[in-house]
Structures are given as C-alpha cells and as structure tokens.
C-alpha atoms as a PDB file:
ATOM      1  CA  UNK A   1       0.062  -0.174  -0.067  1.00  0.00           C
ATOM      2  CA  UNK A   2       3.029   2.316   0.842  1.00  0.00           C
ATOM      3  CA  UNK A   3       3.659   2.477  -3.350  1.00  0.00           C
ATOM      4  CA  UNK A   4      -0.172   3.448  -3.812  1.00  0.00           C
ATOM      5  CA  UNK A   5       0.359   6.380  -1.686  1.00  0.00           C
ATOM      6  CA  UNK A   6       3.523   7.514  -3.105  1.00  0.00           C
ATOM      7  CA  UNK A   7       1.306   7.079  -6.750  1.00  0.00           C
ATOM      8  CA  UNK A   8      -0.959   9.137  -4.774  1.00  0.00           C
ATOM      9  CA  UNK A   9       1.428  11.632  -3.867  1.00  0.00           C
ATOM     10  CA  UNK A  10       3.123  12.218  -6.685  1.00  0.00           C
ATOM     11  CA  UNK A  11      -0.196  12.401  -9.006  1.00  0.00           C
ATOM     12  CA  UNK A  12      -1.177  15.340  -6.569  1.00  0.00           C
ATOM     13  CA  UNK A  13      -3.846  13.517  -5.297  1.00  0.00           C
ATOM     14  CA  UNK A  14      -3.185  15.032  -1.714  1.00  0.00           C
ATOM     15  CA  UNK A  15      -6.212  13.748  -0.166  1.00  0.00           C
ATOM     16  CA  UNK A  16      -6.005   9.868  -0.879  1.00  0.00           C
ATOM     17  CA  UNK A  17      -1.973   9.995  -0.254  1.00  0.00           C
ATOM     18  CA  UNK A  18      -3.079  11.601   3.089  1.00  0.00           C
ATOM     19  CA  UNK A  19      -5.540   8.891   4.013  1.00  0.00           C
ATOM     20  CA  UNK A  20      -2.982   5.526   3.378  1.00  0.00           C
ATOM     21  CA  UNK A  21      -0.352   7.712   4.531  1.00  0.00           C
ATOM     22  CA  UNK A  22      -2.068   7.762   7.835  1.00  0.00           C
ATOM     23  CA  UNK A  23      -3.275   4.637   7.994  1.00  0.00           C
ATOM     24  CA  UNK A  24       0.307   3.189   7.548  1.00  0.00           C
ATOM     25  CA  UNK A  25       2.314   5.443   9.223  1.00  0.00           C
ATOM     26  CA  UNK A  26      -0.060   4.658  12.463  1.00  0.00           C
ATOM     27  CA  UNK A  27       0.893   1.266  11.531  1.00  0.00           C
ATOM     28  CA  UNK A  28       3.991   1.799  12.152  1.00  0.00           C
ATOM     29  CA  UNK A  29       5.760   2.098   8.625  1.00  0.00           C
ATOM     30  CA  UNK A  30       8.667   4.249   8.839  1.00  0.00           C
ATOM     31  CA  UNK A  31       8.257   5.658   5.525  1.00  0.00           C
ATOM     32  CA  UNK A  32       4.861   6.551   5.796  1.00  0.00           C
ATOM     33  CA  UNK A  33       5.425   8.528   8.968  1.00  0.00           C
ATOM     34  CA  UNK A  34       7.868  10.401   7.055  1.00  0.00           C
ATOM     35  CA  UNK A  35       5.684  11.371   4.354  1.00  0.00           C
ATOM     36  CA  UNK A  36       2.971  12.166   6.647  1.00  0.00           C
ATOM     37  CA  UNK A  37       5.111  14.241   8.323  1.00  0.00           C
ATOM     38  CA  UNK A  38       6.396  15.938   5.549  1.00  0.00           C
ATOM     39  CA  UNK A  39       2.231  16.493   4.590  1.00  0.00           C
ATOM     40  CA  UNK A  40       1.618  18.370   7.811  1.00  0.00           C
ATOM     41  CA  UNK A  41       4.367  20.621   8.083  1.00  0.00           C
ATOM     42  CA  UNK A  42       3.662  21.265   3.860  1.00  0.00           C
ATOM     43  CA  UNK A  43      -0.536  21.356   4.746  1.00  0.00           C
ATOM     44  CA  UNK A  44      -0.590  18.836   1.645  1.00  0.00           C
ATOM     45  CA  UNK A  45      -4.348  17.244   2.172  1.00  0.00           C
ATOM     46  CA  UNK A  46      -4.455  18.507   5.541  1.00  0.00           C
ATOM     47  CA  UNK A  47      -3.734  21.919   7.360  1.00  0.00           C
ATOM     48  CA  UNK A  48      -0.615  22.566   8.144  1.00  0.00           C
ATOM     49  CA  UNK A  49       0.353  21.068  11.808  1.00  0.00           C
ATOM     50  CA  UNK A  50       3.532  21.473  13.093  1.00  0.00           C
ATOM     51  CA  UNK A  51       3.229  19.909  16.394  1.00  0.00           C
ATOM     52  CA  UNK A  52       2.134  16.710  14.104  1.00  0.00           C
ATOM     53  CA  UNK A  53       5.000  16.663  11.370  1.00  0.00           C
ATOM     54  CA  UNK A  54       7.266  16.507  14.640  1.00  0.00           C
ATOM     55  CA  UNK A  55       5.835  14.088  16.178  1.00  0.00           C
ATOM     56  CA  UNK A  56       5.809  11.631  12.904  1.00  0.00           C
ATOM     57  CA  UNK A  57       9.029  12.388  12.429  1.00  0.00           C
ATOM     58  CA  UNK A  58      10.596  11.648  15.616  1.00  0.00           C
ATOM     59  CA  UNK A  59       8.451   7.835  15.035  1.00  0.00           C
ATOM     60  CA  UNK A  60      10.272   8.066  11.227  1.00  0.00           C
ATOM     61  CA  UNK A  61      13.848   9.054  13.001  1.00  0.00           C
ATOM     62  CA  UNK A  62      13.221   6.539  16.165  1.00  0.00           C
ATOM     63  CA  UNK A  63      13.455   3.476  13.339  1.00  0.00           C
ATOM     64  CA  UNK A  64      16.492   5.394  11.077  1.00  0.00           C
ATOM     65  CA  UNK A  65      14.253   6.771   8.196  1.00  0.00           C
ATOM     66  CA  UNK A  66      17.120   8.879   5.872  1.00  0.00           C
ATOM     67  CA  UNK A  67      14.551  11.657   5.035  1.00  0.00           C
ATOM     68  CA  UNK A  68      12.562  11.905   8.771  1.00  0.00           C
ATOM     69  CA  UNK A  69      16.240  11.802   9.946  1.00  0.00           C
ATOM     70  CA  UNK A  70      16.895  15.161   7.111  1.00  0.00           C
ATOM     71  CA  UNK A  71      13.839  16.732   7.543  1.00  0.00           C
ATOM     72  CA  UNK A  72      14.144  16.711  11.390  1.00  0.00           C
ATOM     73  CA  UNK A  73      17.406  17.935  11.182  1.00  0.00           C
ATOM     74  CA  UNK A  74      16.329  21.250   9.179  1.00  0.00           C
ATOM     75  CA  UNK A  75      13.895  22.068  12.127  1.00  0.00           C
ATOM     76  CA  UNK A  76      16.380  21.999  14.451  1.00  0.00           C
ATOM     77  CA  UNK A  77      18.621  23.653  12.501  1.00  0.00           C
ATOM     78  CA  UNK A  78      16.253  26.677  11.816  1.00  0.00           C
ATOM     79  CA  UNK A  79      14.516  26.237  15.323  1.00  0.00           C
ATOM     80  CA  UNK A  80      11.043  25.255  12.621  1.00  0.00           C
ATOM     81  CA  UNK A  81       8.044  23.477  14.349  1.00  0.00           C
ATOM     82  CA  UNK A  82       7.964  24.436  17.494  1.00  0.00           C
ATOM     83  CA  UNK A  83      12.194  22.732  18.417  1.00  0.00           C
ATOM     84  CA  UNK A  84      14.657  25.194  19.714  1.00  0.00           C
ATOM     85  CA  UNK A  85      16.864  26.242  17.258  1.00  0.00           C
ATOM     86  CA  UNK A  86      20.428  23.095  17.832  1.00  0.00           C
ATOM     87  CA  UNK A  87      23.144  22.865  15.705  1.00  0.00           C
ATOM     88  CA  UNK A  88      24.598  20.345  17.371  1.00  0.00           C
ATOM     89  CA  UNK A  89      21.231  18.085  17.034  1.00  0.00           C
ATOM     90  CA  UNK A  90      20.964  19.039  14.053  1.00  0.00           C
ATOM     91  CA  UNK A  91      24.706  18.332  12.586  1.00  0.00           C
ATOM     92  CA  UNK A  92      23.477  14.688  14.596  1.00  0.00           C
ATOM     93  CA  UNK A  93      20.419  14.025  12.583  1.00  0.00           C
ATOM     94  CA  UNK A  94      22.157  15.312   9.334  1.00  0.00           C
ATOM     95  CA  UNK A  95      25.264  13.017   9.285  1.00  0.00           C
ATOM     96  CA  UNK A  96      23.065  10.055  10.391  1.00  0.00           C
ATOM     97  CA  UNK A  97      20.643  10.946   7.009  1.00  0.00           C
ATOM     98  CA  UNK A  98      24.180  11.087   5.296  1.00  0.00           C
ATOM     99  CA  UNK A  99      25.488   7.797   6.224  1.00  0.00           C
ATOM    100  CA  UNK A 100      22.240   6.683   5.057  1.00  0.00           C
ATOM    101  CA  UNK A 101      22.951   8.279   1.861  1.00  0.00           C
ATOM    102  CA  UNK A 102      20.658  10.871   1.414  1.00  0.00           C
ATOM    103  CA  UNK A 103      22.623  13.633  -0.829  1.00  0.00           C
ATOM    104  CA  UNK A 104      21.647  16.788   0.469  1.00  0.00           C
ATOM    105  CA  UNK A 105      22.258  15.495   4.171  1.00  0.00           C
ATOM    106  CA  UNK A 106      25.681  15.060   3.142  1.00  0.00           C
ATOM    107  CA  UNK A 107      25.432  18.530   1.846  1.00  0.00           C
ATOM    108  CA  UNK A 108      24.385  20.036   4.878  1.00  0.00           C
ATOM    109  CA  UNK A 109      27.139  17.958   7.002  1.00  0.00           C
ATOM    110  CA  UNK A 110      29.709  19.224   4.924  1.00  0.00           C
ATOM    111  CA  UNK A 111      29.223  22.617   5.235  1.00  0.00           C
ATOM    112  CA  UNK A 112      28.519  22.314   9.342  1.00  0.00           C
ATOM    113  CA  UNK A 113      31.998  20.722   9.194  1.00  0.00           C
ATOM    114  CA  UNK A 114      33.580  23.125   6.647  1.00  0.00           C
ATOM    115  CA  UNK A 115      32.237  26.146   9.286  1.00  0.00           C
ATOM    116  CA  UNK A 116      32.341  25.096  12.643  1.00  0.00           C
ATOM    117  CA  UNK A 117      28.629  24.631  13.221  1.00  0.00           C
ATOM    118  CA  UNK A 118      27.100  21.983  15.582  1.00  0.00           C
ATOM    119  CA  UNK A 119      30.392  20.611  15.364  1.00  0.00           C
ATOM    120  CA  UNK A 120      34.459  20.929  15.423  1.00  0.00           C
ATOM    121  CA  UNK A 121      35.651  22.399  12.301  1.00  0.00           C
ATOM    122  CA  UNK A 122      36.835  19.582  10.089  1.00  0.00           C
ATOM    123  CA  UNK A 123      37.865  20.472   6.851  1.00  0.00           C
ATOM    124  CA  UNK A 124      39.614  17.292   5.526  1.00  0.00           C
ATOM    125  CA  UNK A 125      35.665  15.535   6.645  1.00  0.00           C
ATOM    126  CA  UNK A 126      33.876  18.548   5.274  1.00  0.00           C
ATOM    127  CA  UNK A 127      35.703  17.151   2.150  1.00  0.00           C
ATOM    128  CA  UNK A 128      34.661  13.720   2.380  1.00  0.00           C
ATOM    129  CA  UNK A 129      30.853  14.716   2.350  1.00  0.00           C
ATOM    130  CA  UNK A 130      31.313  16.987  -0.501  1.00  0.00           C
ATOM    131  CA  UNK A 131      32.383  14.318  -2.722  1.00  0.00           C
ATOM    132  CA  UNK A 132      30.408  11.905  -1.433  1.00  0.00           C
ATOM    133  CA  UNK A 133      26.993  14.384  -2.263  1.00  0.00           C
ATOM    134  CA  UNK A 134      29.156  15.277  -5.622  1.00  0.00           C
ATOM    135  CA  UNK A 135      29.109  11.479  -6.899  1.00  0.00           C
ATOM    136  CA  UNK A 136      24.971  11.751  -6.715  1.00  0.00           C
ATOM    137  CA  UNK A 137      25.131  14.854  -8.612  1.00  0.00           C
ATOM    138  CA  UNK A 138      24.791  17.574  -6.526  1.00  0.00           C
ATOM    139  CA  UNK A 139      25.980  20.699  -8.096  1.00  0.00           C
ATOM    140  CA  UNK A 140      26.486  22.953  -4.735  1.00  0.00           C
ATOM    141  CA  UNK A 141      28.878  20.059  -3.307  1.00  0.00           C
ATOM    142  CA  UNK A 142      31.121  20.166  -6.392  1.00  0.00           C
ATOM    143  CA  UNK A 143      31.161  23.727  -6.425  1.00  0.00           C
ATOM    144  CA  UNK A 144      32.438  23.617  -2.788  1.00  0.00           C
ATOM    145  CA  UNK A 145      34.529  20.740  -2.903  1.00  0.00           C
ATOM    146  CA  UNK A 146      36.298  22.821  -5.525  1.00  0.00           C
ATOM    147  CA  UNK A 147      36.539  25.649  -3.915  1.00  0.00           C
ATOM    148  CA  UNK A 148      38.766  23.465  -0.823  1.00  0.00           C
ATOM    149  CA  UNK A 149      40.898  21.792  -3.713  1.00  0.00           C
ATOM    150  CA  UNK A 150      41.931  25.556  -4.792  1.00  0.00           C
ATOM    151  CA  UNK A 151      42.331  26.441  -1.464  1.00  0.00           C
ATOM    152  CA  UNK A 152      43.853  23.539  -0.008  1.00  0.00           C
ATOM    153  CA  UNK A 153      41.896  23.666   2.711  1.00  0.00           C
ATOM    154  CA  UNK A 154      41.183  19.110   4.412  1.00  0.00           C
ATOM    155  CA  UNK A 155      42.346  18.029   0.662  1.00  0.00           C
ATOM    156  CA  UNK A 156      46.050  18.342  -0.902  1.00  0.00           C
ATOM    157  CA  UNK A 157      45.998  21.956  -3.098  1.00  0.00           C
ATOM    158  CA  UNK A 158      44.782  20.978  -6.597  1.00  0.00           C
ATOM    159  CA  UNK A 159      44.328  23.175  -9.556  1.00  0.00           C
ATOM    160  CA  UNK A 160      43.403  20.567 -11.907  1.00  0.00           C
ATOM    161  CA  UNK A 161      40.705  18.876  -9.534  1.00  0.00           C
ATOM    162  CA  UNK A 162      39.362  22.379  -8.626  1.00  0.00           C
ATOM    163  CA  UNK A 163      38.770  23.286 -12.678  1.00  0.00           C
ATOM    164  CA  UNK A 164      36.629  19.949 -12.874  1.00  0.00           C
ATOM    165  CA  UNK A 165      34.588  20.509  -9.531  1.00  0.00           C
ATOM    166  CA  UNK A 166      33.860  23.858 -11.143  1.00  0.00           C
ATOM    167  CA  UNK A 167      33.234  22.574 -14.555  1.00  0.00           C
ATOM    168  CA  UNK A 168      30.664  20.371 -13.456  1.00  0.00           C
ATOM    169  CA  UNK A 169      28.968  22.951 -10.968  1.00  0.00           C
ATOM    170  CA  UNK A 170      28.944  25.193 -13.728  1.00  0.00           C
ATOM    171  CA  UNK A 171      27.709  22.792 -16.315  1.00  0.00           C
ATOM    172  CA  UNK A 172      24.869  21.865 -14.078  1.00  0.00           C
ATOM    173  CA  UNK A 173      23.642  25.532 -14.085  1.00  0.00           C
ATOM    174  CA  UNK A 174      25.491  27.057 -10.834  1.00  0.00           C
ATOM    175  CA  UNK A 175      26.131  30.567 -11.115  1.00  0.00           C
ATOM    176  CA  UNK A 176      28.519  30.349  -8.172  1.00  0.00           C
ATOM    177  CA  UNK A 177      30.333  27.485 -10.432  1.00  0.00           C
ATOM    178  CA  UNK A 178      30.106  29.738 -13.426  1.00  0.00           C
ATOM    179  CA  UNK A 179      32.012  32.725 -11.743  1.00  0.00           C
ATOM    180  CA  UNK A 180      34.879  30.689  -9.972  1.00  0.00           C
ATOM    181  CA  UNK A 181      35.312  28.505 -12.939  1.00  0.00           C
ATOM    182  CA  UNK A 182      35.458  32.002 -15.215  1.00  0.00           C
ATOM    183  CA  UNK A 183      38.210  32.845 -12.126  1.00  0.00           C
ATOM    184  CA  UNK A 184      40.221  29.774 -12.719  1.00  0.00           C
ATOM    185  CA  UNK A 185      40.376  30.903 -16.892  1.00  0.00           C
ATOM    186  CA  UNK A 186      41.260  34.165 -15.883  1.00  0.00           C
ATOM    187  CA  UNK A 187      44.081  32.863 -13.403  1.00  0.00           C
ATOM    188  CA  UNK A 188      45.238  30.151 -15.343  1.00  0.00           C
ATOM    189  CA  UNK A 189      45.498  27.912 -12.516  1.00  0.00           C
ATOM    190  CA  UNK A 190      43.779  24.198 -13.521  1.00  0.00           C
ATOM    191  CA  UNK A 191      43.922  25.049 -17.515  1.00  0.00           C
ATOM    192  CA  UNK A 192      45.210  27.118 -20.158  1.00  0.00           C
ATOM    193  CA  UNK A 193      44.534  31.172 -19.222  1.00  0.00           C
ATOM    194  CA  UNK A 194      42.224  32.112 -21.574  1.00  0.00           C
ATOM    195  CA  UNK A 195      40.626  35.845 -20.829  1.00  0.00           C
ATOM    196  CA  UNK A 196      37.909  35.331 -23.176  1.00  0.00           C
ATOM    197  CA  UNK A 197      36.238  32.104 -21.495  1.00  0.00           C
ATOM    198  CA  UNK A 198      36.850  33.568 -18.515  1.00  0.00           C
ATOM    199  CA  UNK A 199      34.430  36.223 -19.554  1.00  0.00           C
ATOM    200  CA  UNK A 200      32.235  33.471 -21.216  1.00  0.00           C
ATOM    201  CA  UNK A 201      31.425  32.304 -17.658  1.00  0.00           C
ATOM    202  CA  UNK A 202      32.169  35.348 -15.871  1.00  0.00           C
ATOM    203  CA  UNK A 203      28.822  36.943 -18.060  1.00  0.00           C
ATOM    204  CA  UNK A 204      27.091  33.266 -18.175  1.00  0.00           C
ATOM    205  CA  UNK A 205      27.224  33.550 -14.076  1.00  0.00           C
ATOM    206  CA  UNK A 206      25.776  37.466 -13.987  1.00  0.00           C
ATOM    207  CA  UNK A 207      22.884  36.399 -16.415  1.00  0.00           C
ATOM    208  CA  UNK A 208      21.950  34.032 -14.197  1.00  0.00           C
ATOM    209  CA  UNK A 209      21.936  36.273 -11.019  1.00  0.00           C
ATOM    210  CA  UNK A 210      25.209  36.205  -9.520  1.00  0.00           C
ATOM    211  CA  UNK A 211      25.947  39.896  -8.345  1.00  0.00           C
ATOM    212  CA  UNK A 212      30.206  39.713  -8.168  1.00  0.00           C
ATOM    213  CA  UNK A 213      29.822  38.954 -11.624  1.00  0.00           C
ATOM    214  CA  UNK A 214      27.156  41.406 -12.823  1.00  0.00           C
ATOM    215  CA  UNK A 215      29.416  43.968 -10.971  1.00  0.00           C
ATOM    216  CA  UNK A 216      32.855  42.305 -12.979  1.00  0.00           C
ATOM    217  CA  UNK A 217      30.560  42.831 -16.201  1.00  0.00           C
ATOM    218  CA  UNK A 218      29.249  46.692 -15.681  1.00  0.00           C
ATOM    219  CA  UNK A 219      32.866  47.479 -14.573  1.00  0.00           C
ATOM    220  CA  UNK A 220      33.741  46.211 -18.018  1.00  0.00           C
ATOM    221  CA  UNK A 221      31.112  47.709 -19.965  1.00  0.00           C
ATOM    222  CA  UNK A 222      31.590  51.085 -18.229  1.00  0.00           C
ATOM    223  CA  UNK A 223      35.577  51.013 -19.165  1.00  0.00           C
ATOM    224  CA  UNK A 224      34.236  50.000 -22.474  1.00  0.00           C
ATOM    225  CA  UNK A 225      36.285  46.731 -23.123  1.00  0.00           C
ATOM    226  CA  UNK A 226      33.157  44.817 -23.329  1.00  0.00           C
ATOM    227  CA  UNK A 227      29.868  45.468 -25.523  1.00  0.00           C
ATOM    228  CA  UNK A 228      26.937  42.922 -24.986  1.00  0.00           C
END
C-alpha cells in the first residue's frame, strides 16, 4: 500500500495520499511516517500542523528513516516546528541521514563541518562529505569541493581537481560555479589562461543572477572593454 500512497502523492492526489499515509504510519511504517510528517509540514491534504509534523518525523527517525532524519535536522537547524534552534542536534541528524545516503544531508553535513557549526571544524571531513554528495550529482557540493581544492583546505591543493569540480557544477547551471570557473580561466589555474572563456563564464554567471559577476560585467562595460 505504500507504493499506492506514493503514486497518489506524485499524482498530487493529496487527500488519498494523506489517508493512506496516515493508515500506514499508525501501523508503524517508517516511510509513511516520514511522508505524513512532510504533508503536515507543507499543509498537503490537511492543514499545516507543525506539532503533528514533528511527531511523525520523530517516530520515523526512531526507526532511522533517512529523510525523516534529514527533515528533523532542518527543523533543529532553523528552530522550526516547535523545536529550539540547536546546531549540535541538527548536525547529528544530518550526519545520520548522510550515512544513509541522502545527498542533501551529505552536503549539509559537509557545510557544517567546513564552518564548525554544531561540531568541530574539520575541512578533511567536509571534503569527504562534499565528495560523497558530488558523486550523487549534487552541484553545490561539486562547487564547494572545488573551493577546498583551490584553497588546499582539508585536501592537497590541486587546481586541476578544482577546475573539474567547478566545470561540473557550472555545466549543471550553478552561477557561483560559473563565476569560480571564470576565475580559473582568468588566472590560468588548472587550465590554460583564456580571458575569452573567463569572460564567457562571467557573463553566464551574471545572466544567472550572480551579483559579483554582474559588478564585473558592468565595470568592463563602463570602461568600454566589452559590449553586450
């Protein structure tokens, strides 16, 4: 019946999905508990109810349901759903979800490790989790891993790897990575110096809303060095 519930949810038949998830959740199905918590949080098939969302996330998390662990981590990280803001608890939950292969949890775990939020700062551990998320196609993880390789934080400095990481994220449409890739071309790091390609990627970043890239493009226009 869980597949039937998922199908109803994906078809946006929230009333049916809510009814099926409730029945399954009350019978102890962890996946249904996690999904029911999400529906209460989002107000899908029911009114928004943070207390109910928290209750079902916690029940599912007790069974180590990966996405319940992750969503519960979000609540603690942001002080939402009636829980106190607690970075340490958020990190614990993100890490448990990351171990269970939730890509976004891997990324959040890495960011907390990089910044020392809710845990001791550890660049090498951050690099590990960024790489795990990147292997699963997470574009922000590719970008942040590229930064670590460029700066030599937690890994041996390697401009070639930074170039590969920024390229993957830029090609996936991430403006920050487009800008970072442009900087590598401009400086000739990890690739041949190519100011035309640097400008091309900076333009793409600007078109996609990157503020620093917009400033650079405006400055070049004002100096009469480029014309759109």
